[in-house]
Amino acid sequence: MNLKFKDRLKEIRKEQGLSQTMLAERLNINRSAVAKWELGEIEPNLTMLMKICVELGVSADFLIGLQDY
């Protein structure tokens, strides 16, 4: 299945037991940004994408759908 960024972000966040608020706090951003990413309304810039990857322990290739588990 070819999941999009928004779907993969939500899936990984939930697998790790994180709420949108918890992830936002770890990234030092507002929860609404995480919600908008997961709704597909906006996407993070490259710097934030890398922070998300580090925080969630996944590769950018996986998160943007270029690679599966």
N, C-alpha and C. Protein backbone atom coordinates (compact mmCIF):
# COMPACT_ATOMS: atom_id res chain seq x y z
N MET A 1 0.84 -1.18 0.00
CA MET A 1 0.00 0.00 0.00
C MET A 1 0.88 1.24 0.00
N ASN A 2 0.55 2.17 -0.85
CA ASN A 2 1.34 3.40 -0.96
C ASN A 2 0.69 4.50 -0.11
N LEU A 3 1.18 4.65 1.11
CA LEU A 3 0.63 5.66 2.00
C LEU A 3 1.30 7.00 1.77
N LYS A 4 0.56 8.05 1.97
CA LYS A 4 1.08 9.40 1.84
C LYS A 4 1.70 9.85 3.17
N PHE A 5 2.43 10.96 3.11
CA PHE A 5 3.05 11.51 4.31
C PHE A 5 2.06 11.62 5.45
N LYS A 6 0.90 12.21 5.18
CA LYS A 6 -0.09 12.44 6.25
C LYS A 6 -0.50 11.14 6.92
N ASP A 7 -0.65 10.09 6.13
CA ASP A 7 -1.07 8.80 6.68
C ASP A 7 0.06 8.14 7.47
N ARG A 8 1.26 8.21 6.94
CA ARG A 8 2.39 7.60 7.64
C ARG A 8 2.70 8.32 8.94
N LEU A 9 2.62 9.63 8.93
CA LEU A 9 2.87 10.39 10.15
C LEU A 9 1.89 9.97 11.23
N LYS A 10 0.63 9.93 10.88
CA LYS A 10 -0.41 9.57 11.86
C LYS A 10 -0.20 8.14 12.36
N GLU A 11 0.10 7.23 11.44
CA GLU A 11 0.31 5.83 11.80
C GLU A 11 1.48 5.67 12.78
N ILE A 12 2.61 6.26 12.46
CA ILE A 12 3.79 6.15 13.32
C ILE A 12 3.56 6.82 14.66
N ARG A 13 2.95 8.00 14.63
CA ARG A 13 2.66 8.71 15.89
C ARG A 13 1.82 7.84 16.81
N LYS A 14 0.77 7.24 16.26
CA LYS A 14 -0.11 6.41 17.08
C LYS A 14 0.59 5.13 17.54
N GLU A 15 1.41 4.52 16.67
CA GLU A 15 2.16 3.32 17.06
C GLU A 15 3.06 3.60 18.24
N GLN A 16 3.57 4.83 18.31
CA GLN A 16 4.47 5.18 19.40
C GLN A 16 3.73 5.73 20.62
N GLY A 17 2.41 5.71 20.56
CA GLY A 17 1.60 6.12 21.70
C GLY A 17 1.62 7.62 21.96
N LEU A 18 1.83 8.39 20.91
CA LEU A 18 1.90 9.84 21.05
C LEU A 18 0.61 10.50 20.57
N SER A 19 0.15 11.48 21.30
CA SER A 19 -0.95 12.30 20.83
C SER A 19 -0.37 13.40 19.93
N GLN A 20 -1.24 14.09 19.23
CA GLN A 20 -0.76 15.21 18.42
C GLN A 20 -0.09 16.25 19.31
N THR A 21 -0.66 16.47 20.47
CA THR A 21 -0.10 17.44 21.41
C THR A 21 1.29 17.03 21.87
N MET A 22 1.45 15.74 22.19
CA MET A 22 2.76 15.26 22.65
C MET A 22 3.82 15.43 21.57
N LEU A 23 3.47 15.07 20.33
CA LEU A 23 4.44 15.22 19.24
C LEU A 23 4.77 16.69 19.03
N ALA A 24 3.76 17.53 19.07
CA ALA A 24 3.98 18.97 18.90
C ALA A 24 4.92 19.51 19.97
N GLU A 25 4.73 19.08 21.20
CA GLU A 25 5.60 19.54 22.28
C GLU A 25 7.04 19.10 22.05
N ARG A 26 7.23 17.88 21.58
CA ARG A 26 8.58 17.38 21.31
C ARG A 26 9.25 18.17 20.18
N LEU A 27 8.42 18.63 19.22
CA LEU A 27 8.95 19.38 18.08
C LEU A 27 8.98 20.89 18.34
N ASN A 28 8.44 21.29 19.49
CA ASN A 28 8.39 22.70 19.89
C ASN A 28 7.56 23.53 18.91
N ILE A 29 6.39 22.99 18.57
CA ILE A 29 5.46 23.67 17.66
C ILE A 29 4.04 23.58 18.22
N ASN A 30 3.08 24.21 17.54
CA ASN A 30 1.69 24.13 17.95
C ASN A 30 1.06 22.82 17.50
N ARG A 31 0.13 22.30 18.28
CA ARG A 31 -0.56 21.07 17.93
C ARG A 31 -1.30 21.20 16.60
N SER A 32 -1.78 22.41 16.31
CA SER A 32 -2.53 22.61 15.07
C SER A 32 -1.70 22.30 13.83
N ALA A 33 -0.39 22.50 13.91
CA ALA A 33 0.48 22.17 12.77
C ALA A 33 0.47 20.67 12.53
N VAL A 34 0.57 19.88 13.59
CA VAL A 34 0.53 18.43 13.46
C VAL A 34 -0.82 18.00 12.88
N ALA A 35 -1.89 18.58 13.38
CA ALA A 35 -3.23 18.26 12.87
C ALA A 35 -3.34 18.57 11.38
N LYS A 36 -2.82 19.70 10.96
CA LYS A 36 -2.88 20.08 9.55
C LYS A 36 -2.04 19.16 8.69
N TRP A 37 -0.89 18.70 9.20
CA TRP A 37 -0.09 17.74 8.45
C TRP A 37 -0.87 16.45 8.25
N GLU A 38 -1.51 15.99 9.33
CA GLU A 38 -2.23 14.71 9.26
C GLU A 38 -3.51 14.81 8.43
N LEU A 39 -4.04 15.98 8.27
CA LEU A 39 -5.21 16.19 7.40
C LEU A 39 -4.79 16.41 5.95
N GLY A 40 -3.51 16.61 5.73
CA GLY A 40 -3.01 16.86 4.38
C GLY A 40 -3.22 18.29 3.93
N GLU A 41 -3.50 19.19 4.86
CA GLU A 41 -3.71 20.59 4.51
C GLU A 41 -2.40 21.30 4.20
N ILE A 42 -1.35 20.94 4.93
CA ILE A 42 -0.01 21.50 4.71
C ILE A 42 1.00 20.39 4.91
N GLU A 43 2.22 20.63 4.50
CA GLU A 43 3.32 19.70 4.75
C GLU A 43 4.46 20.47 5.40
N PRO A 44 5.24 19.81 6.22
CA PRO A 44 6.36 20.50 6.89
C PRO A 44 7.46 20.84 5.90
N ASN A 45 8.23 21.87 6.24
CA ASN A 45 9.40 22.18 5.41
C ASN A 45 10.48 21.14 5.69
N LEU A 46 11.54 21.20 4.92
CA LEU A 46 12.59 20.18 5.00
C LEU A 46 13.21 20.11 6.40
N THR A 47 13.47 21.24 7.00
CA THR A 47 14.06 21.25 8.34
C THR A 47 13.15 20.56 9.34
N MET A 48 11.86 20.87 9.29
CA MET A 48 10.91 20.24 10.21
C MET A 48 10.75 18.76 9.89
N LEU A 49 10.77 18.40 8.62
CA LEU A 49 10.67 16.99 8.24
C LEU A 49 11.80 16.20 8.89
N MET A 50 13.00 16.75 8.86
CA MET A 50 14.14 16.06 9.46
C MET A 50 13.97 15.95 10.98
N LYS A 51 13.43 16.98 11.62
CA LYS A 51 13.17 16.92 13.07
C LYS A 51 12.15 15.84 13.39
N ILE A 52 11.12 15.74 12.56
CA ILE A 52 10.09 14.71 12.76
C ILE A 52 10.73 13.33 12.66
N CYS A 53 11.56 13.13 11.64
CA CYS A 53 12.23 11.85 11.45
C CYS A 53 13.08 11.47 12.64
N VAL A 54 13.84 12.41 13.15
CA VAL A 54 14.69 12.14 14.31
C VAL A 54 13.82 11.81 15.52
N GLU A 55 12.79 12.59 15.74
CA GLU A 55 11.94 12.39 16.91
C GLU A 55 11.21 11.05 16.86
N LEU A 56 10.77 10.65 15.68
CA LEU A 56 10.02 9.40 15.56
C LEU A 56 10.90 8.20 15.23
N GLY A 57 12.17 8.45 14.93
CA GLY A 57 13.10 7.37 14.65
C GLY A 57 12.83 6.65 13.33
N VAL A 58 12.42 7.42 12.33
CA VAL A 58 12.16 6.86 11.00
C VAL A 58 12.93 7.66 9.96
N SER A 59 13.10 7.07 8.78
CA SER A 59 13.81 7.77 7.71
C SER A 59 12.84 8.69 6.97
N ALA A 60 13.40 9.69 6.33
CA ALA A 60 12.59 10.59 5.51
C ALA A 60 11.99 9.81 4.34
N ASP A 61 12.75 8.89 3.77
CA ASP A 61 12.25 8.07 2.67
C ASP A 61 11.00 7.31 3.09
N PHE A 62 11.02 6.76 4.28
CA PHE A 62 9.83 6.06 4.77
C PHE A 62 8.67 7.03 4.98
N LEU A 63 8.95 8.12 5.64
CA LEU A 63 7.88 9.05 6.01
C LEU A 63 7.20 9.67 4.80
N ILE A 64 7.94 9.90 3.72
CA ILE A 64 7.31 10.49 2.55
C ILE A 64 6.85 9.45 1.52
N GLY A 65 6.98 8.17 1.89
CA GLY A 65 6.41 7.12 1.06
C GLY A 65 7.30 6.55 -0.01
N LEU A 66 8.60 6.82 0.03
CA LEU A 66 9.50 6.26 -0.97
C LEU A 66 10.00 4.87 -0.61
N GLN A 67 9.77 4.50 0.65
CA GLN A 67 10.30 3.23 1.16
C GLN A 67 9.29 2.67 2.15
N ASP A 68 9.17 1.34 2.16
CA ASP A 68 8.32 0.69 3.17
C ASP A 68 9.18 0.30 4.34
N TYR A 69 8.53 -0.22 5.37
CA TYR A 69 9.23 -0.62 6.60
C TYR A 69 10.48 -1.34 6.30
